[in-house]
Amino acid sequence: MPTPRDTGQSLHFLLAGVLIGMLGGILMALFTMLATATYLQMGFFTPLYAIAAPLIGQQSLMSSLQQGSFYLAPGPALLGLVVHLLWAALWGVIFVLLARRLHLTGGVAIISGVGAPNLLHLLGSFSFTIANALFYGLPLGLWPVVQPELFTAHPAQQAV
């Protein structure tokens, strides 16, 4: 009886999803941090403190909002960054698994990548929507366009 054989492609595919998700997360974080420091007139690291606040409390978040543009508390900022990147990696893996299962390529993949994070716009402002759609979703959606063979081929081959 033939059994599916995985030649390590699935692991590489999932790791690539992690990396693409983290790349999108980094771009999103940079945009959001620049937006909060400039036209939203909050602290530069405020988004990282907001991510870390449910785990460590709101002290660093409140201090950032009160003390100005470049208040830095390294521990909470690093924790917020790590949590953000872990979530980005998870969503990257979920996206690539869905994109591969649904055989998304071309424009459909781009629209799916840009559109998927927009579900979160209910929670935030216009800046949050732009950060999610363009700076996080676009790298995810472009990957199936750049490498369509990864999303149209079957992941496991039959052994003989």
N, C-alpha and C. Protein backbone atom coordinates (compact mmCIF):
# COMPACT_ATOMS: atom_id res chain seq x y z
N MET A 1 0.84 -1.18 0.00
CA MET A 1 0.00 0.00 0.00
C MET A 1 0.89 1.24 0.00
N PRO A 2 0.72 2.13 -0.99
CA PRO A 2 1.56 3.32 -1.05
C PRO A 2 1.22 4.29 0.08
N THR A 3 2.23 4.92 0.62
CA THR A 3 2.06 5.91 1.67
C THR A 3 2.66 7.22 1.22
N PRO A 4 2.10 8.34 1.66
CA PRO A 4 2.67 9.63 1.29
C PRO A 4 4.08 9.77 1.88
N ARG A 5 4.94 10.36 1.10
CA ARG A 5 6.31 10.57 1.53
C ARG A 5 6.60 12.06 1.46
N ASP A 6 7.12 12.59 2.51
CA ASP A 6 7.48 14.00 2.57
C ASP A 6 8.99 14.10 2.48
N THR A 7 9.47 14.80 1.47
CA THR A 7 10.91 14.91 1.28
C THR A 7 11.50 16.14 1.96
N GLY A 8 10.81 16.69 2.89
CA GLY A 8 11.29 17.88 3.58
C GLY A 8 10.77 19.16 2.97
N GLN A 9 10.04 19.05 1.86
CA GLN A 9 9.51 20.25 1.21
C GLN A 9 8.50 20.95 2.10
N SER A 10 7.70 20.20 2.81
CA SER A 10 6.68 20.81 3.67
C SER A 10 7.31 21.66 4.76
N LEU A 11 8.38 21.15 5.35
CA LEU A 11 9.06 21.92 6.39
C LEU A 11 9.64 23.21 5.82
N HIS A 12 10.27 23.13 4.67
CA HIS A 12 10.83 24.33 4.05
C HIS A 12 9.73 25.31 3.67
N PHE A 13 8.61 24.77 3.21
CA PHE A 13 7.48 25.61 2.85
C PHE A 13 6.93 26.35 4.07
N LEU A 14 6.77 25.63 5.17
CA LEU A 14 6.27 26.25 6.40
C LEU A 14 7.26 27.27 6.95
N LEU A 15 8.55 26.95 6.90
CA LEU A 15 9.57 27.91 7.36
C LEU A 15 9.57 29.16 6.50
N ALA A 16 9.37 28.99 5.20
CA ALA A 16 9.26 30.15 4.32
C ALA A 16 8.03 30.98 4.69
N GLY A 17 6.92 30.32 5.05
CA GLY A 17 5.73 31.04 5.50
C GLY A 17 6.01 31.83 6.77
N VAL A 18 6.78 31.23 7.68
CA VAL A 18 7.17 31.94 8.90
C VAL A 18 7.97 33.18 8.56
N LEU A 19 8.95 33.03 7.67
CA LEU A 19 9.81 34.16 7.30
C LEU A 19 9.04 35.25 6.56
N ILE A 20 8.17 34.86 5.64
CA ILE A 20 7.37 35.86 4.92
C ILE A 20 6.43 36.58 5.89
N GLY A 21 5.83 35.84 6.81
CA GLY A 21 4.96 36.45 7.81
C GLY A 21 5.73 37.43 8.69
N MET A 22 6.94 37.04 9.09
CA MET A 22 7.74 37.93 9.93
C MET A 22 8.21 39.16 9.15
N LEU A 23 8.54 38.99 7.88
CA LEU A 23 8.90 40.14 7.05
C LEU A 23 7.74 41.12 6.97
N GLY A 24 6.54 40.60 6.72
CA GLY A 24 5.37 41.47 6.71
C GLY A 24 5.13 42.12 8.06
N GLY A 25 5.35 41.36 9.14
CA GLY A 25 5.20 41.90 10.49
C GLY A 25 6.18 43.02 10.78
N ILE A 26 7.41 42.87 10.31
CA ILE A 26 8.42 43.92 10.50
C ILE A 26 8.04 45.18 9.75
N LEU A 27 7.62 45.02 8.49
CA LEU A 27 7.20 46.19 7.71
C LEU A 27 6.00 46.88 8.35
N MET A 28 5.05 46.08 8.83
CA MET A 28 3.87 46.64 9.48
C MET A 28 4.26 47.39 10.76
N ALA A 29 5.15 46.80 11.56
CA ALA A 29 5.58 47.44 12.81
C ALA A 29 6.29 48.75 12.52
N LEU A 30 7.17 48.77 11.53
CA LEU A 30 7.89 50.01 11.20
C LEU A 30 6.92 51.11 10.77
N PHE A 31 5.96 50.76 9.91
CA PHE A 31 4.99 51.77 9.48
C PHE A 31 4.18 52.28 10.67
N THR A 32 3.72 51.36 11.51
CA THR A 32 2.89 51.75 12.65
C THR A 32 3.68 52.61 13.63
N MET A 33 4.92 52.25 13.87
CA MET A 33 5.75 53.03 14.79
C MET A 33 6.03 54.43 14.24
N LEU A 34 6.28 54.52 12.94
CA LEU A 34 6.48 55.85 12.33
C LEU A 34 5.19 56.66 12.36
N ALA A 35 4.06 56.00 12.14
CA ALA A 35 2.77 56.71 12.17
C ALA A 35 2.48 57.23 13.57
N THR A 36 2.73 56.42 14.59
CA THR A 36 2.43 56.89 15.96
C THR A 36 3.37 58.01 16.38
N ALA A 37 4.60 57.99 15.90
CA ALA A 37 5.55 59.04 16.29
C ALA A 37 5.32 60.34 15.53
N THR A 38 4.76 60.27 14.33
CA THR A 38 4.61 61.48 13.53
C THR A 38 3.19 62.03 13.61
N TYR A 39 2.32 61.61 12.73
CA TYR A 39 1.03 62.28 12.63
C TYR A 39 0.02 61.85 13.69
N LEU A 40 0.22 60.72 14.38
CA LEU A 40 -0.66 60.37 15.49
C LEU A 40 -0.20 60.99 16.80
N GLN A 41 1.01 61.53 16.82
CA GLN A 41 1.60 62.27 17.95
C GLN A 41 1.61 61.47 19.25
N MET A 42 2.03 60.22 19.13
CA MET A 42 2.25 59.37 20.30
C MET A 42 3.72 58.98 20.31
N GLY A 43 4.12 58.17 21.23
CA GLY A 43 5.50 57.72 21.28
C GLY A 43 5.83 56.73 20.18
N PHE A 44 7.08 56.73 19.74
CA PHE A 44 7.55 55.85 18.67
C PHE A 44 7.36 54.38 19.03
N PHE A 45 7.64 54.00 20.27
CA PHE A 45 7.55 52.61 20.70
C PHE A 45 6.18 52.24 21.28
N THR A 46 5.23 53.15 21.21
CA THR A 46 3.89 52.91 21.77
C THR A 46 3.22 51.65 21.24
N PRO A 47 3.30 51.35 19.94
CA PRO A 47 2.67 50.10 19.47
C PRO A 47 3.26 48.85 20.13
N LEU A 48 4.56 48.85 20.38
CA LEU A 48 5.18 47.69 21.03
C LEU A 48 4.72 47.57 22.48
N TYR A 49 4.59 48.71 23.15
CA TYR A 49 4.10 48.68 24.54
C TYR A 49 2.65 48.23 24.59
N ALA A 50 1.85 48.61 23.58
CA ALA A 50 0.44 48.19 23.55
C ALA A 50 0.34 46.68 23.36
N ILE A 51 1.25 46.10 22.59
CA ILE A 51 1.25 44.65 22.39
C ILE A 51 1.65 43.94 23.68
N ALA A 52 2.62 44.50 24.40
CA ALA A 52 3.11 43.87 25.62
C ALA A 52 2.20 44.12 26.83
N ALA A 53 1.35 45.13 26.78
CA ALA A 53 0.54 45.52 27.94
C ALA A 53 -0.32 44.40 28.52
N PRO A 54 -0.96 43.55 27.74
CA PRO A 54 -1.76 42.48 28.37
C PRO A 54 -0.91 41.50 29.19
N LEU A 55 0.37 41.41 28.89
CA LEU A 55 1.24 40.48 29.61
C LEU A 55 1.92 41.09 30.82
N ILE A 56 2.29 42.39 30.72
CA ILE A 56 3.08 42.99 31.80
C ILE A 56 2.42 44.21 32.45
N GLY A 57 1.26 44.58 31.98
CA GLY A 57 0.60 45.75 32.54
C GLY A 57 0.77 46.98 31.65
N GLN A 58 0.11 48.05 32.01
CA GLN A 58 0.06 49.25 31.18
C GLN A 58 1.04 50.34 31.56
N GLN A 59 1.92 50.10 32.51
CA GLN A 59 2.82 51.15 32.97
C GLN A 59 3.67 51.73 31.84
N SER A 60 4.32 50.90 31.07
CA SER A 60 5.18 51.41 29.99
C SER A 60 4.35 52.06 28.89
N LEU A 61 3.18 51.56 28.62
CA LEU A 61 2.30 52.16 27.62
C LEU A 61 1.87 53.55 28.06
N MET A 62 1.44 53.69 29.29
CA MET A 62 1.02 55.01 29.80
C MET A 62 2.19 55.98 29.85
N SER A 63 3.36 55.51 30.26
CA SER A 63 4.55 56.37 30.29
C SER A 63 4.90 56.85 28.89
N SER A 64 4.80 55.97 27.92
CA SER A 64 5.10 56.34 26.53
C SER A 64 4.13 57.40 26.02
N LEU A 65 2.87 57.26 26.38
CA LEU A 65 1.88 58.23 25.94
C LEU A 65 2.07 59.59 26.61
N GLN A 66 2.59 59.60 27.85
CA GLN A 66 2.74 60.84 28.60
C GLN A 66 4.07 61.52 28.37
N GLN A 67 5.14 60.76 28.14
CA GLN A 67 6.48 61.35 28.11
C GLN A 67 6.98 61.74 26.73
N GLY A 68 6.27 61.45 25.69
CA GLY A 68 6.68 61.97 24.40
C GLY A 68 7.13 60.93 23.40
N SER A 69 7.75 61.44 22.36
CA SER A 69 8.02 60.67 21.16
C SER A 69 8.96 59.48 21.32
N PHE A 70 10.02 59.63 22.10
CA PHE A 70 11.02 58.57 22.13
C PHE A 70 11.28 58.01 23.52
N TYR A 71 10.24 57.82 24.29
CA TYR A 71 10.37 57.13 25.57
C TYR A 71 10.70 55.67 25.27
N LEU A 72 11.73 55.12 25.95
CA LEU A 72 12.13 53.74 25.69
C LEU A 72 12.26 52.97 27.00
N ALA A 73 11.53 51.90 27.10
CA ALA A 73 11.68 50.90 28.16
C ALA A 73 12.04 49.61 27.42
N PRO A 74 13.33 49.22 27.42
CA PRO A 74 13.79 48.11 26.57
C PRO A 74 13.05 46.79 26.78
N GLY A 75 12.80 46.41 28.03
CA GLY A 75 12.15 45.13 28.29
C GLY A 75 10.76 45.02 27.67
N PRO A 76 9.85 45.94 27.99
CA PRO A 76 8.52 45.89 27.38
C PRO A 76 8.54 46.05 25.86
N ALA A 77 9.44 46.88 25.34
CA ALA A 77 9.53 47.05 23.88
C ALA A 77 9.96 45.74 23.22
N LEU A 78 10.95 45.07 23.79
CA LEU A 78 11.41 43.81 23.24
C LEU A 78 10.33 42.73 23.34
N LEU A 79 9.64 42.67 24.47
CA LEU A 79 8.55 41.72 24.62
C LEU A 79 7.46 41.96 23.58
N GLY A 80 7.08 43.21 23.39
CA GLY A 80 6.08 43.55 22.38
C GLY A 80 6.52 43.16 20.98
N LEU A 81 7.80 43.38 20.68
CA LEU A 81 8.32 43.01 19.37
C LEU A 81 8.30 41.50 19.17
N VAL A 82 8.71 40.75 20.18
CA VAL A 82 8.73 39.29 20.08
C VAL A 82 7.31 38.74 19.90
N VAL A 83 6.37 39.23 20.69
CA VAL A 83 4.98 38.78 20.58
C VAL A 83 4.43 39.12 19.20
N HIS A 84 4.70 40.32 18.73
CA HIS A 84 4.23 40.75 17.41
C HIS A 84 4.79 39.84 16.32
N LEU A 85 6.08 39.55 16.37
CA LEU A 85 6.70 38.71 15.35
C LEU A 85 6.20 37.27 15.42
N LEU A 86 5.92 36.77 16.62
CA LEU A 86 5.36 35.42 16.73
C LEU A 86 3.97 35.35 16.11
N TRP A 87 3.14 36.36 16.37
CA TRP A 87 1.82 36.40 15.74
C TRP A 87 1.94 36.51 14.23
N ALA A 88 2.87 37.34 13.76
CA ALA A 88 3.07 37.50 12.31
C ALA A 88 3.50 36.19 11.68
N ALA A 89 4.38 35.45 12.36
CA ALA A 89 4.82 34.15 11.85
C ALA A 89 3.65 33.17 11.79
N LEU A 90 2.83 33.15 12.82
CA LEU A 90 1.66 32.27 12.83
C LEU A 90 0.70 32.59 11.69
N TRP A 91 0.40 33.87 11.50
CA TRP A 91 -0.51 34.25 10.42
C TRP A 91 0.12 33.98 9.06
N GLY A 92 1.45 34.10 8.95
CA GLY A 92 2.12 33.75 7.70
C GLY A 92 1.95 32.28 7.37
N VAL A 93 2.11 31.41 8.36
CA VAL A 93 1.93 29.97 8.15
C VAL A 93 0.48 29.67 7.77
N ILE A 94 -0.47 30.27 8.47
CA ILE A 94 -1.88 30.04 8.16
C ILE A 94 -2.19 30.48 6.73
N PHE A 95 -1.67 31.64 6.34
CA PHE A 95 -1.93 32.13 4.98
C PHE A 95 -1.35 31.19 3.94
N VAL A 96 -0.10 30.78 4.10
CA VAL A 96 0.50 29.94 3.05
C VAL A 96 -0.16 28.57 2.98
N LEU A 97 -0.60 28.05 4.11
CA LEU A 97 -1.32 26.77 4.07
C LEU A 97 -2.64 26.91 3.32
N LEU A 98 -3.37 27.98 3.60
CA LEU A 98 -4.62 28.23 2.89
C LEU A 98 -4.38 28.51 1.41
N ALA A 99 -3.36 29.32 1.12
CA ALA A 99 -3.06 29.66 -0.27
C ALA A 99 -2.66 28.42 -1.05
N ARG A 100 -1.92 27.53 -0.44
CA ARG A 100 -1.52 26.30 -1.12
C ARG A 100 -2.72 25.37 -1.30
N ARG A 101 -3.53 25.25 -0.28
CA ARG A 101 -4.70 24.36 -0.34
C ARG A 101 -5.70 24.84 -1.39
N LEU A 102 -5.85 26.17 -1.49
CA LEU A 102 -6.80 26.75 -2.45
C LEU A 102 -6.16 27.05 -3.80
N HIS A 103 -4.86 26.78 -3.94
CA HIS A 103 -4.11 27.01 -5.18
C HIS A 103 -4.21 28.46 -5.64
N LEU A 104 -3.98 29.38 -4.72
CA LEU A 104 -4.05 30.80 -5.04
C LEU A 104 -2.78 31.23 -5.75
N THR A 105 -2.93 31.87 -6.89
CA THR A 105 -1.81 32.46 -7.62
C THR A 105 -2.28 33.75 -8.24
N GLY A 106 -1.36 34.50 -8.77
CA GLY A 106 -1.68 35.73 -9.50
C GLY A 106 -2.38 36.77 -8.66
N GLY A 107 -3.29 37.48 -9.29
CA GLY A 107 -4.01 38.56 -8.63
C GLY A 107 -4.86 38.11 -7.47
N VAL A 108 -5.40 36.89 -7.54
CA VAL A 108 -6.22 36.37 -6.45
C VAL A 108 -5.38 36.25 -5.17
N ALA A 109 -4.12 35.82 -5.32
CA ALA A 109 -3.24 35.70 -4.16
C ALA A 109 -2.95 37.06 -3.55
N ILE A 110 -2.70 38.05 -4.41
CA ILE A 110 -2.41 39.40 -3.90
C ILE A 110 -3.63 39.95 -3.17
N ILE A 111 -4.80 39.82 -3.77
CA ILE A 111 -6.02 40.33 -3.13
C ILE A 111 -6.27 39.59 -1.82
N SER A 112 -6.02 38.29 -1.80
CA SER A 112 -6.22 37.52 -0.56
C SER A 112 -5.26 37.96 0.52
N GLY A 113 -4.00 38.22 0.15
CA GLY A 113 -3.03 38.66 1.14
C GLY A 113 -3.34 40.04 1.68
N VAL A 114 -3.73 40.95 0.80
CA VAL A 114 -4.04 42.31 1.22
C VAL A 114 -5.37 42.36 1.95
N GLY A 115 -6.33 41.55 1.52
CA GLY A 115 -7.67 41.59 2.10
C GLY A 115 -7.79 40.89 3.43
N ALA A 116 -7.03 39.83 3.64
CA ALA A 116 -7.18 39.04 4.87
C ALA A 116 -6.92 39.85 6.14
N PRO A 117 -5.84 40.64 6.21
CA PRO A 117 -5.63 41.40 7.44
C PRO A 117 -6.66 42.51 7.65
N ASN A 118 -7.40 42.90 6.62
CA ASN A 118 -8.39 43.95 6.78
C ASN A 118 -9.53 43.56 7.69
N LEU A 119 -9.66 42.29 8.01
CA LEU A 119 -10.67 41.89 8.98
C LEU A 119 -10.43 42.57 10.32
N LEU A 120 -9.18 42.93 10.58
CA LEU A 120 -8.84 43.56 11.84
C LEU A 120 -9.15 45.06 11.86
N HIS A 121 -9.56 45.62 10.73
CA HIS A 121 -9.81 47.06 10.70
C HIS A 121 -10.95 47.47 11.62
N LEU A 122 -11.76 46.52 12.01
CA LEU A 122 -12.83 46.83 12.94
C LEU A 122 -12.29 47.26 14.29
N LEU A 123 -11.06 46.86 14.59
CA LEU A 123 -10.46 47.16 15.88
C LEU A 123 -9.68 48.46 15.91
N GLY A 124 -9.36 49.02 14.76
CA GLY A 124 -8.45 50.16 14.78
C GLY A 124 -8.80 51.24 13.80
N SER A 125 -7.85 52.10 13.60
CA SER A 125 -8.05 53.27 12.77
C SER A 125 -7.62 53.01 11.34
N PHE A 126 -7.67 54.04 10.55
CA PHE A 126 -7.23 53.98 9.16
C PHE A 126 -5.77 53.57 9.08
N SER A 127 -4.92 54.10 9.96
CA SER A 127 -3.50 53.75 9.96
C SER A 127 -3.29 52.27 10.21
N PHE A 128 -4.06 51.72 11.13
CA PHE A 128 -3.95 50.30 11.45
C PHE A 128 -4.36 49.46 10.24
N THR A 129 -5.40 49.88 9.54
CA THR A 129 -5.86 49.17 8.35
C THR A 129 -4.80 49.20 7.25
N ILE A 130 -4.22 50.38 7.01
CA ILE A 130 -3.18 50.50 5.99
C ILE A 130 -1.97 49.66 6.37
N ALA A 131 -1.57 49.71 7.63
CA ALA A 131 -0.41 48.93 8.07
C ALA A 131 -0.64 47.44 7.87
N ASN A 132 -1.82 46.96 8.19
CA ASN A 132 -2.13 45.54 8.02
C ASN A 132 -2.21 45.16 6.55
N ALA A 133 -2.92 45.92 5.77
CA ALA A 133 -3.15 45.55 4.38
C ALA A 133 -1.90 45.65 3.54
N LEU A 134 -1.27 46.80 3.54
CA LEU A 134 -0.14 47.01 2.65
C LEU A 134 1.17 46.44 3.16
N PHE A 135 1.46 46.67 4.41
CA PHE A 135 2.78 46.30 4.89
C PHE A 135 2.86 44.90 5.47
N TYR A 136 1.72 44.30 5.79
CA TYR A 136 1.74 42.91 6.24
C TYR A 136 1.13 41.99 5.18
N GLY A 137 -0.01 42.35 4.65
CA GLY A 137 -0.69 41.48 3.70
C GLY A 137 -0.05 41.41 2.33
N LEU A 138 0.53 42.50 1.87
CA LEU A 138 1.11 42.52 0.54
C LEU A 138 2.27 41.53 0.38
N PRO A 139 3.23 41.47 1.32
CA PRO A 139 4.28 40.44 1.16
C PRO A 139 3.71 39.02 1.14
N LEU A 140 2.69 38.76 1.95
CA LEU A 140 2.07 37.44 1.92
C LEU A 140 1.43 37.16 0.57
N GLY A 141 0.69 38.12 0.05
CA GLY A 141 0.01 37.93 -1.22
C GLY A 141 0.93 37.86 -2.42
N LEU A 142 2.10 38.49 -2.33
CA LEU A 142 3.03 38.47 -3.46
C LEU A 142 3.79 37.15 -3.56
N TRP A 143 3.95 36.44 -2.47
CA TRP A 143 4.73 35.20 -2.51
C TRP A 143 4.16 34.20 -3.51
N PRO A 144 2.84 33.91 -3.51
CA PRO A 144 2.33 32.98 -4.52
C PRO A 144 2.47 33.49 -5.96
N VAL A 145 2.60 34.80 -6.12
CA VAL A 145 2.79 35.36 -7.46
C VAL A 145 4.23 35.13 -7.91
N VAL A 146 5.16 35.30 -7.00
CA VAL A 146 6.57 35.14 -7.33
C VAL A 146 6.94 33.67 -7.54
N GLN A 147 6.36 32.78 -6.75
CA GLN A 147 6.65 31.35 -6.85
C GLN A 147 5.35 30.55 -6.97
N PRO A 148 4.65 30.66 -8.10
CA PRO A 148 3.35 29.97 -8.22
C PRO A 148 3.47 28.45 -8.20
N GLU A 149 4.62 27.91 -8.57
CA GLU A 149 4.77 26.46 -8.58
C GLU A 149 4.64 25.85 -7.19
N LEU A 150 4.93 26.61 -6.16
CA LEU A 150 4.79 26.10 -4.80
C LEU A 150 3.33 25.99 -4.37
N PHE A 151 2.47 26.73 -5.02
CA PHE A 151 1.07 26.79 -4.60
C PHE A 151 0.14 26.00 -5.50
N THR A 152 0.64 25.50 -6.62
CA THR A 152 -0.20 24.71 -7.51
C THR A 152 0.17 23.24 -7.49
N ALA A 153 1.39 22.90 -7.05
CA ALA A 153 1.83 21.51 -7.01
C ALA A 153 1.30 20.84 -5.75
N HIS A 154 1.22 19.52 -5.78
CA HIS A 154 0.80 18.77 -4.60
C HIS A 154 1.99 18.61 -3.68
N PRO A 155 1.84 18.84 -2.36
CA PRO A 155 2.96 18.82 -1.42
C PRO A 155 3.56 17.44 -1.19
N ALA A 156 2.77 16.39 -1.23
CA ALA A 156 3.29 15.05 -0.96
C ALA A 156 3.23 14.22 -2.23
N GLN A 157 4.24 13.40 -2.43
CA GLN A 157 4.27 12.51 -3.58
C GLN A 157 4.05 11.09 -3.11
N GLN A 158 3.55 10.27 -3.98
CA GLN A 158 3.28 8.88 -3.62
C GLN A 158 4.57 8.06 -3.73
N ALA A 159 4.84 7.24 -2.74
CA ALA A 159 5.97 6.33 -2.78
C ALA A 159 5.58 5.05 -3.51
N VAL A 160 6.53 4.43 -4.13
CA VAL A 160 6.24 3.16 -4.82
C VAL A 160 6.79 1.98 -4.10
